[in-house]
Amino acid sequence: MFLHLGNNYLVNTKDVIGIFDIENTSVSANTKEFLNFAAKNRRVVNCTYEMPKSFVVCLDCLLYTSDAADDLT
């Protein structure tokens, strides 16, 4: 099965590790460090032109989406 993240981005649900709300999770220093690490290593894909509301951690990348985490689960 595939998960649609917006702007024609699809990911296989087998590759999804987790779906996280940015507002609730980005306050943690560990999460900030993880997001910065992914960005430095060019593993981030921005699936939206809007302010992202959530991020999806996959086996090989991290994707930002404007959909709320609750809408994706």
N, C-alpha and C. Protein backbone atom coordinates (compact mmCIF):
# COMPACT_ATOMS: atom_id res chain seq x y z
N MET A 1 0.85 -1.16 0.00
CA MET A 1 0.00 0.00 0.00
C MET A 1 0.91 1.24 0.00
N PHE A 2 0.39 2.33 -0.52
CA PHE A 2 1.16 3.57 -0.61
C PHE A 2 0.47 4.68 0.17
N LEU A 3 1.28 5.61 0.64
CA LEU A 3 0.80 6.76 1.40
C LEU A 3 1.06 8.01 0.57
N HIS A 4 0.00 8.78 0.30
CA HIS A 4 0.13 10.01 -0.48
C HIS A 4 0.45 11.16 0.46
N LEU A 5 1.56 11.88 0.19
CA LEU A 5 2.01 12.96 1.06
C LEU A 5 1.77 14.34 0.49
N GLY A 6 1.19 14.41 -0.69
CA GLY A 6 0.94 15.70 -1.33
C GLY A 6 1.91 15.97 -2.45
N ASN A 7 1.50 16.84 -3.38
CA ASN A 7 2.33 17.22 -4.53
C ASN A 7 2.91 16.01 -5.27
N ASN A 8 2.09 14.99 -5.45
CA ASN A 8 2.46 13.78 -6.19
C ASN A 8 3.57 12.97 -5.55
N TYR A 9 3.77 13.08 -4.25
CA TYR A 9 4.74 12.26 -3.54
C TYR A 9 4.02 11.08 -2.90
N LEU A 10 4.50 9.89 -3.20
CA LEU A 10 3.97 8.66 -2.63
C LEU A 10 5.11 7.89 -1.99
N VAL A 11 4.84 7.25 -0.86
CA VAL A 11 5.82 6.36 -0.25
C VAL A 11 5.15 5.03 0.05
N ASN A 12 5.91 3.99 -0.07
CA ASN A 12 5.41 2.67 0.27
C ASN A 12 5.28 2.60 1.79
N THR A 13 4.15 2.14 2.28
CA THR A 13 3.93 2.08 3.72
C THR A 13 4.90 1.12 4.40
N LYS A 14 5.48 0.19 3.67
CA LYS A 14 6.49 -0.72 4.24
C LYS A 14 7.76 0.03 4.61
N ASP A 15 8.01 1.17 3.97
CA ASP A 15 9.21 1.95 4.23
C ASP A 15 9.03 2.99 5.33
N VAL A 16 7.80 3.19 5.78
CA VAL A 16 7.51 4.22 6.79
C VAL A 16 7.85 3.69 8.18
N ILE A 17 8.69 4.46 8.88
CA ILE A 17 9.05 4.12 10.26
C ILE A 17 8.12 4.84 11.23
N GLY A 18 7.80 6.11 10.93
CA GLY A 18 6.91 6.86 11.81
C GLY A 18 6.44 8.14 11.18
N ILE A 19 5.31 8.63 11.67
CA ILE A 19 4.73 9.90 11.23
C ILE A 19 4.59 10.77 12.47
N PHE A 20 5.18 11.99 12.40
CA PHE A 20 5.27 12.82 13.59
C PHE A 20 4.75 14.23 13.34
N ASP A 21 4.08 14.78 14.31
CA ASP A 21 3.60 16.16 14.27
C ASP A 21 4.76 17.09 14.61
N ILE A 22 5.04 18.05 13.78
CA ILE A 22 6.18 18.95 14.00
C ILE A 22 6.01 19.77 15.27
N GLU A 23 4.82 20.28 15.49
CA GLU A 23 4.59 21.15 16.65
C GLU A 23 4.86 20.43 17.97
N ASN A 24 4.44 19.18 18.06
CA ASN A 24 4.58 18.44 19.31
C ASN A 24 5.96 17.81 19.50
N THR A 25 6.65 17.50 18.43
CA THR A 25 7.91 16.77 18.57
C THR A 25 9.15 17.63 18.42
N SER A 26 9.05 18.79 17.81
CA SER A 26 10.25 19.57 17.55
C SER A 26 10.76 20.33 18.78
N VAL A 27 10.08 20.24 19.89
CA VAL A 27 10.56 20.89 21.11
C VAL A 27 11.70 20.08 21.75
N SER A 28 11.80 18.83 21.42
CA SER A 28 12.84 17.97 21.97
C SER A 28 14.18 18.24 21.29
N ALA A 29 15.23 18.32 22.09
CA ALA A 29 16.57 18.53 21.55
C ALA A 29 16.99 17.36 20.67
N ASN A 30 16.59 16.15 21.03
CA ASN A 30 16.93 14.96 20.24
C ASN A 30 16.29 15.02 18.86
N THR A 31 15.04 15.45 18.81
CA THR A 31 14.36 15.56 17.52
C THR A 31 15.01 16.62 16.66
N LYS A 32 15.32 17.77 17.25
CA LYS A 32 15.99 18.83 16.49
C LYS A 32 17.32 18.34 15.93
N GLU A 33 18.05 17.61 16.74
CA GLU A 33 19.34 17.05 16.30
C GLU A 33 19.14 16.06 15.15
N PHE A 34 18.12 15.21 15.25
CA PHE A 34 17.82 14.25 14.19
C PHE A 34 17.44 14.96 12.89
N LEU A 35 16.58 15.98 12.97
CA LEU A 35 16.17 16.71 11.78
C LEU A 35 17.35 17.43 11.14
N ASN A 36 18.21 18.02 11.94
CA ASN A 36 19.41 18.68 11.42
C ASN A 36 20.36 17.68 10.77
N PHE A 37 20.51 16.52 11.39
CA PHE A 37 21.37 15.47 10.84
C PHE A 37 20.86 15.01 9.48
N ALA A 38 19.54 14.81 9.39
CA ALA A 38 18.95 14.38 8.11
C ALA A 38 19.15 15.45 7.04
N ALA A 39 19.00 16.71 7.40
CA ALA A 39 19.18 17.80 6.45
C ALA A 39 20.64 17.89 5.98
N LYS A 40 21.58 17.77 6.91
CA LYS A 40 23.00 17.82 6.57
C LYS A 40 23.40 16.71 5.60
N ASN A 41 22.77 15.56 5.77
CA ASN A 41 23.11 14.40 4.96
C ASN A 41 22.21 14.27 3.72
N ARG A 42 21.51 15.34 3.43
CA ARG A 42 20.65 15.42 2.23
C ARG A 42 19.65 14.27 2.14
N ARG A 43 19.03 13.99 3.25
CA ARG A 43 18.01 12.94 3.31
C ARG A 43 16.60 13.51 3.44
N VAL A 44 16.46 14.83 3.31
CA VAL A 44 15.16 15.49 3.50
C VAL A 44 14.53 15.80 2.14
N VAL A 45 13.26 15.47 2.03
CA VAL A 45 12.45 15.81 0.85
C VAL A 45 11.29 16.65 1.35
N ASN A 46 11.13 17.83 0.77
CA ASN A 46 10.02 18.70 1.14
C ASN A 46 8.88 18.46 0.16
N CYS A 47 7.79 17.90 0.65
CA CYS A 47 6.64 17.55 -0.19
C CYS A 47 5.59 18.64 -0.25
N THR A 48 5.92 19.82 0.22
CA THR A 48 4.93 20.89 0.27
C THR A 48 5.57 22.25 -0.02
N TYR A 49 4.77 23.15 -0.51
CA TYR A 49 5.19 24.53 -0.70
C TYR A 49 4.75 25.39 0.48
N GLU A 50 3.95 24.80 1.35
CA GLU A 50 3.44 25.48 2.54
C GLU A 50 4.31 25.15 3.75
N MET A 51 3.99 25.75 4.88
CA MET A 51 4.68 25.43 6.12
C MET A 51 4.34 23.98 6.48
N PRO A 52 5.34 23.12 6.68
CA PRO A 52 5.04 21.73 7.01
C PRO A 52 4.39 21.58 8.38
N LYS A 53 3.48 20.62 8.47
CA LYS A 53 2.79 20.34 9.72
C LYS A 53 3.29 19.04 10.35
N SER A 54 3.88 18.18 9.52
CA SER A 54 4.35 16.91 10.03
C SER A 54 5.54 16.44 9.20
N PHE A 55 6.21 15.43 9.71
CA PHE A 55 7.28 14.80 8.95
C PHE A 55 7.15 13.30 9.05
N VAL A 56 7.57 12.64 7.98
CA VAL A 56 7.48 11.19 7.87
C VAL A 56 8.90 10.65 7.80
N VAL A 57 9.24 9.76 8.71
CA VAL A 57 10.55 9.13 8.71
C VAL A 57 10.42 7.81 7.98
N CYS A 58 11.22 7.67 6.91
CA CYS A 58 11.23 6.43 6.12
C CYS A 58 12.60 5.78 6.25
N LEU A 59 12.74 4.61 5.67
CA LEU A 59 14.00 3.88 5.76
C LEU A 59 15.17 4.66 5.19
N ASP A 60 14.94 5.42 4.12
CA ASP A 60 16.06 6.09 3.46
C ASP A 60 15.94 7.60 3.37
N CYS A 61 14.89 8.19 3.97
CA CYS A 61 14.74 9.64 3.90
C CYS A 61 13.77 10.14 4.95
N LEU A 62 13.68 11.45 5.01
CA LEU A 62 12.73 12.14 5.88
C LEU A 62 11.94 13.09 4.99
N LEU A 63 10.62 13.06 5.10
CA LEU A 63 9.78 13.87 4.23
C LEU A 63 8.94 14.83 5.06
N TYR A 64 8.94 16.11 4.66
CA TYR A 64 8.08 17.11 5.26
C TYR A 64 6.80 17.20 4.45
N THR A 65 5.66 17.28 5.13
CA THR A 65 4.38 17.40 4.44
C THR A 65 3.49 18.42 5.15
N SER A 66 2.58 19.00 4.38
CA SER A 66 1.66 19.98 4.97
C SER A 66 0.43 19.31 5.56
N ASP A 67 0.30 18.01 5.39
CA ASP A 67 -0.81 17.29 6.00
C ASP A 67 -0.52 17.07 7.48
N ALA A 68 -1.57 17.14 8.30
CA ALA A 68 -1.42 16.88 9.72
C ALA A 68 -1.12 15.40 9.94
N ALA A 69 -0.36 15.10 10.96
CA ALA A 69 0.01 13.71 11.25
C ALA A 69 -1.23 12.84 11.45
N ASP A 70 -2.26 13.38 12.09
CA ASP A 70 -3.50 12.62 12.30
C ASP A 70 -4.17 12.25 10.98
N ASP A 71 -4.04 13.10 9.97
CA ASP A 71 -4.66 12.83 8.68
C ASP A 71 -3.91 11.73 7.92
N LEU A 72 -2.64 11.53 8.23
CA LEU A 72 -1.84 10.55 7.52
C LEU A 72 -1.91 9.17 8.14
N THR A 73 -2.34 9.08 9.40
CA THR A 73 -2.35 7.78 10.07
C THR A 73 -3.65 7.07 9.92
